[in-house]
N, C-alpha and C. Protein backbone atom coordinates (compact mmCIF):
# COMPACT_ATOMS: atom_id res chain seq x y z
N UNK A 1 30.14 -18.79 52.32
CA UNK A 1 31.40 -18.58 51.63
C UNK A 1 32.57 -19.19 52.38
N UNK A 2 32.42 -19.38 53.68
CA UNK A 2 33.54 -19.91 54.44
C UNK A 2 33.84 -21.36 54.09
N UNK A 3 32.81 -22.08 53.61
CA UNK A 3 33.04 -23.47 53.21
C UNK A 3 33.98 -23.54 52.03
N UNK A 4 33.89 -22.57 51.14
CA UNK A 4 34.78 -22.57 49.98
C UNK A 4 36.23 -22.40 50.40
N UNK A 5 36.47 -21.59 51.40
CA UNK A 5 37.84 -21.41 51.89
C UNK A 5 38.37 -22.69 52.52
N UNK A 6 37.50 -23.38 53.26
CA UNK A 6 37.93 -24.62 53.91
C UNK A 6 38.30 -25.66 52.85
N UNK A 7 37.44 -25.82 51.84
CA UNK A 7 37.73 -26.80 50.81
C UNK A 7 38.92 -26.39 49.96
N UNK A 8 39.14 -25.11 49.82
CA UNK A 8 40.30 -24.63 49.08
C UNK A 8 41.59 -25.07 49.78
N UNK A 9 41.65 -24.92 51.08
CA UNK A 9 42.85 -25.32 51.81
C UNK A 9 42.96 -26.84 51.96
N UNK A 10 41.86 -27.54 51.78
CA UNK A 10 41.91 -29.01 51.79
C UNK A 10 42.75 -29.51 50.61
N UNK A 11 42.74 -28.78 49.50
CA UNK A 11 43.58 -29.16 48.37
C UNK A 11 45.06 -29.14 48.75
N UNK A 12 45.47 -28.19 49.57
CA UNK A 12 46.87 -28.16 50.00
C UNK A 12 47.20 -29.34 50.89
N UNK A 13 46.26 -29.73 51.73
CA UNK A 13 46.47 -30.90 52.60
C UNK A 13 46.64 -32.15 51.75
N UNK A 14 45.75 -32.32 50.77
CA UNK A 14 45.86 -33.48 49.88
C UNK A 14 47.15 -33.43 49.06
N UNK A 15 47.55 -32.25 48.65
CA UNK A 15 48.81 -32.13 47.90
C UNK A 15 49.98 -32.59 48.75
N UNK A 16 50.01 -32.18 50.01
CA UNK A 16 51.10 -32.60 50.90
C UNK A 16 51.10 -34.11 51.09
N UNK A 17 49.92 -34.69 51.23
CA UNK A 17 49.84 -36.14 51.40
C UNK A 17 50.30 -36.89 50.15
N UNK A 18 49.88 -36.42 48.98
CA UNK A 18 50.29 -37.08 47.74
C UNK A 18 51.79 -36.92 47.49
N UNK A 19 52.34 -35.76 47.79
CA UNK A 19 53.77 -35.55 47.58
C UNK A 19 54.57 -36.41 48.55
N UNK A 20 54.13 -36.50 49.79
CA UNK A 20 54.80 -37.39 50.75
C UNK A 20 54.74 -38.84 50.29
N UNK A 21 53.58 -39.25 49.81
CA UNK A 21 53.41 -40.62 49.31
C UNK A 21 54.32 -40.87 48.11
N UNK A 22 54.42 -39.90 47.22
CA UNK A 22 55.28 -40.05 46.05
C UNK A 22 56.75 -40.16 46.41
N UNK A 23 57.18 -39.37 47.38
CA UNK A 23 58.58 -39.43 47.80
C UNK A 23 58.88 -40.75 48.50
N UNK A 24 57.93 -41.24 49.30
CA UNK A 24 58.16 -42.51 50.00
C UNK A 24 58.16 -43.70 49.04
N UNK A 25 57.45 -43.61 47.92
CA UNK A 25 57.41 -44.69 46.94
C UNK A 25 58.51 -44.59 45.89
N UNK A 26 59.28 -43.53 45.90
CA UNK A 26 60.25 -43.28 44.84
C UNK A 26 61.26 -44.42 44.67
N UNK A 27 61.78 -44.96 45.76
CA UNK A 27 62.78 -46.03 45.67
C UNK A 27 62.20 -47.38 45.33
N UNK A 28 60.96 -47.63 45.67
CA UNK A 28 60.34 -48.95 45.46
C UNK A 28 59.78 -49.10 44.06
N UNK A 29 58.90 -48.17 43.67
CA UNK A 29 58.22 -48.26 42.37
C UNK A 29 58.05 -46.85 41.80
N UNK A 30 58.96 -46.45 40.91
CA UNK A 30 58.89 -45.08 40.37
C UNK A 30 57.60 -44.76 39.62
N UNK A 31 56.97 -45.75 38.99
CA UNK A 31 55.73 -45.47 38.25
C UNK A 31 54.62 -45.01 39.18
N UNK A 32 54.49 -45.66 40.33
CA UNK A 32 53.48 -45.24 41.31
C UNK A 32 53.86 -43.89 41.92
N UNK A 33 55.16 -43.64 42.03
CA UNK A 33 55.62 -42.37 42.58
C UNK A 33 55.24 -41.22 41.63
N UNK A 34 55.38 -41.43 40.33
CA UNK A 34 55.01 -40.40 39.36
C UNK A 34 53.52 -40.09 39.45
N UNK A 35 52.71 -41.11 39.64
CA UNK A 35 51.27 -40.91 39.75
C UNK A 35 50.94 -40.07 40.99
N UNK A 36 51.55 -40.40 42.11
CA UNK A 36 51.30 -39.64 43.34
C UNK A 36 51.79 -38.20 43.22
N UNK A 37 52.96 -38.02 42.63
CA UNK A 37 53.49 -36.66 42.47
C UNK A 37 52.64 -35.86 41.49
N UNK A 38 52.13 -36.52 40.47
CA UNK A 38 51.24 -35.85 39.52
C UNK A 38 49.94 -35.41 40.18
N UNK A 39 49.38 -36.26 41.02
CA UNK A 39 48.17 -35.89 41.75
C UNK A 39 48.44 -34.75 42.73
N UNK A 40 49.63 -34.74 43.32
CA UNK A 40 50.01 -33.64 44.20
C UNK A 40 50.11 -32.33 43.44
N UNK A 41 50.68 -32.37 42.25
CA UNK A 41 50.77 -31.17 41.42
C UNK A 41 49.38 -30.70 41.00
N UNK A 42 48.51 -31.64 40.68
CA UNK A 42 47.14 -31.30 40.31
C UNK A 42 46.40 -30.64 41.47
N UNK A 43 46.62 -31.14 42.68
CA UNK A 43 45.98 -30.56 43.85
C UNK A 43 46.47 -29.13 44.10
N UNK A 44 47.75 -28.88 43.88
CA UNK A 44 48.29 -27.52 44.03
C UNK A 44 47.68 -26.59 42.97
N UNK A 45 47.55 -27.08 41.75
CA UNK A 45 46.92 -26.30 40.69
C UNK A 45 45.47 -25.97 41.06
N UNK A 46 44.75 -26.95 41.59
CA UNK A 46 43.36 -26.73 41.96
C UNK A 46 43.24 -25.71 43.09
N UNK A 47 44.20 -25.68 44.01
CA UNK A 47 44.19 -24.69 45.07
C UNK A 47 44.23 -23.28 44.49
N UNK A 48 45.17 -23.04 43.57
CA UNK A 48 45.29 -21.70 42.99
C UNK A 48 44.12 -21.38 42.06
N UNK A 49 43.61 -22.38 41.37
CA UNK A 49 42.45 -22.19 40.50
C UNK A 49 41.23 -21.79 41.33
N UNK A 50 40.99 -22.50 42.42
CA UNK A 50 39.86 -22.16 43.29
C UNK A 50 40.04 -20.79 43.94
N UNK A 51 41.26 -20.46 44.33
CA UNK A 51 41.52 -19.16 44.96
C UNK A 51 41.22 -18.02 43.99
N UNK A 52 41.60 -18.21 42.73
CA UNK A 52 41.36 -17.17 41.73
C UNK A 52 39.86 -16.94 41.53
N UNK A 53 39.10 -18.01 41.40
CA UNK A 53 37.68 -17.86 41.16
C UNK A 53 36.92 -17.43 42.41
N UNK A 54 37.40 -17.83 43.59
CA UNK A 54 36.76 -17.35 44.82
C UNK A 54 36.94 -15.85 44.94
N UNK A 55 38.13 -15.36 44.62
CA UNK A 55 38.40 -13.93 44.65
C UNK A 55 37.55 -13.20 43.62
N UNK A 56 37.40 -13.80 42.46
CA UNK A 56 36.60 -13.19 41.39
C UNK A 56 35.14 -13.03 41.83
N UNK A 57 34.59 -14.06 42.46
CA UNK A 57 33.19 -13.99 42.91
C UNK A 57 33.03 -13.05 44.09
N UNK A 58 34.02 -12.97 44.98
CA UNK A 58 33.95 -12.02 46.08
C UNK A 58 33.97 -10.58 45.56
N UNK A 59 34.80 -10.31 44.57
CA UNK A 59 34.85 -8.97 43.99
C UNK A 59 33.54 -8.65 43.27
N UNK A 60 32.96 -9.63 42.62
CA UNK A 60 31.69 -9.43 41.93
C UNK A 60 30.57 -9.12 42.92
N UNK A 61 30.56 -9.81 44.06
CA UNK A 61 29.53 -9.56 45.08
C UNK A 61 29.72 -8.21 45.75
N UNK A 62 30.96 -7.76 45.89
CA UNK A 62 31.23 -6.48 46.53
C UNK A 62 30.86 -5.30 45.63
N UNK A 63 30.85 -5.49 44.33
CA UNK A 63 30.55 -4.42 43.38
C UNK A 63 29.05 -4.17 43.24
N UNK A 64 28.24 -5.06 43.73
CA UNK A 64 26.79 -4.89 43.60
C UNK A 64 26.26 -3.84 44.53
């Protein structure tokens, strides 16, 4: 189960990298910046999505 936690927090790392990339590209090419910022938002969504389901499965295992 610990691997799931590690990969869950990897989404936050990728989100930070994509958001930084989007901000750095903002002045040069806004279209590429939107793509990077969108991927950053998707990574943040995936973090919370994985956290919700990890919690759900932990609660399910504890109830047995």
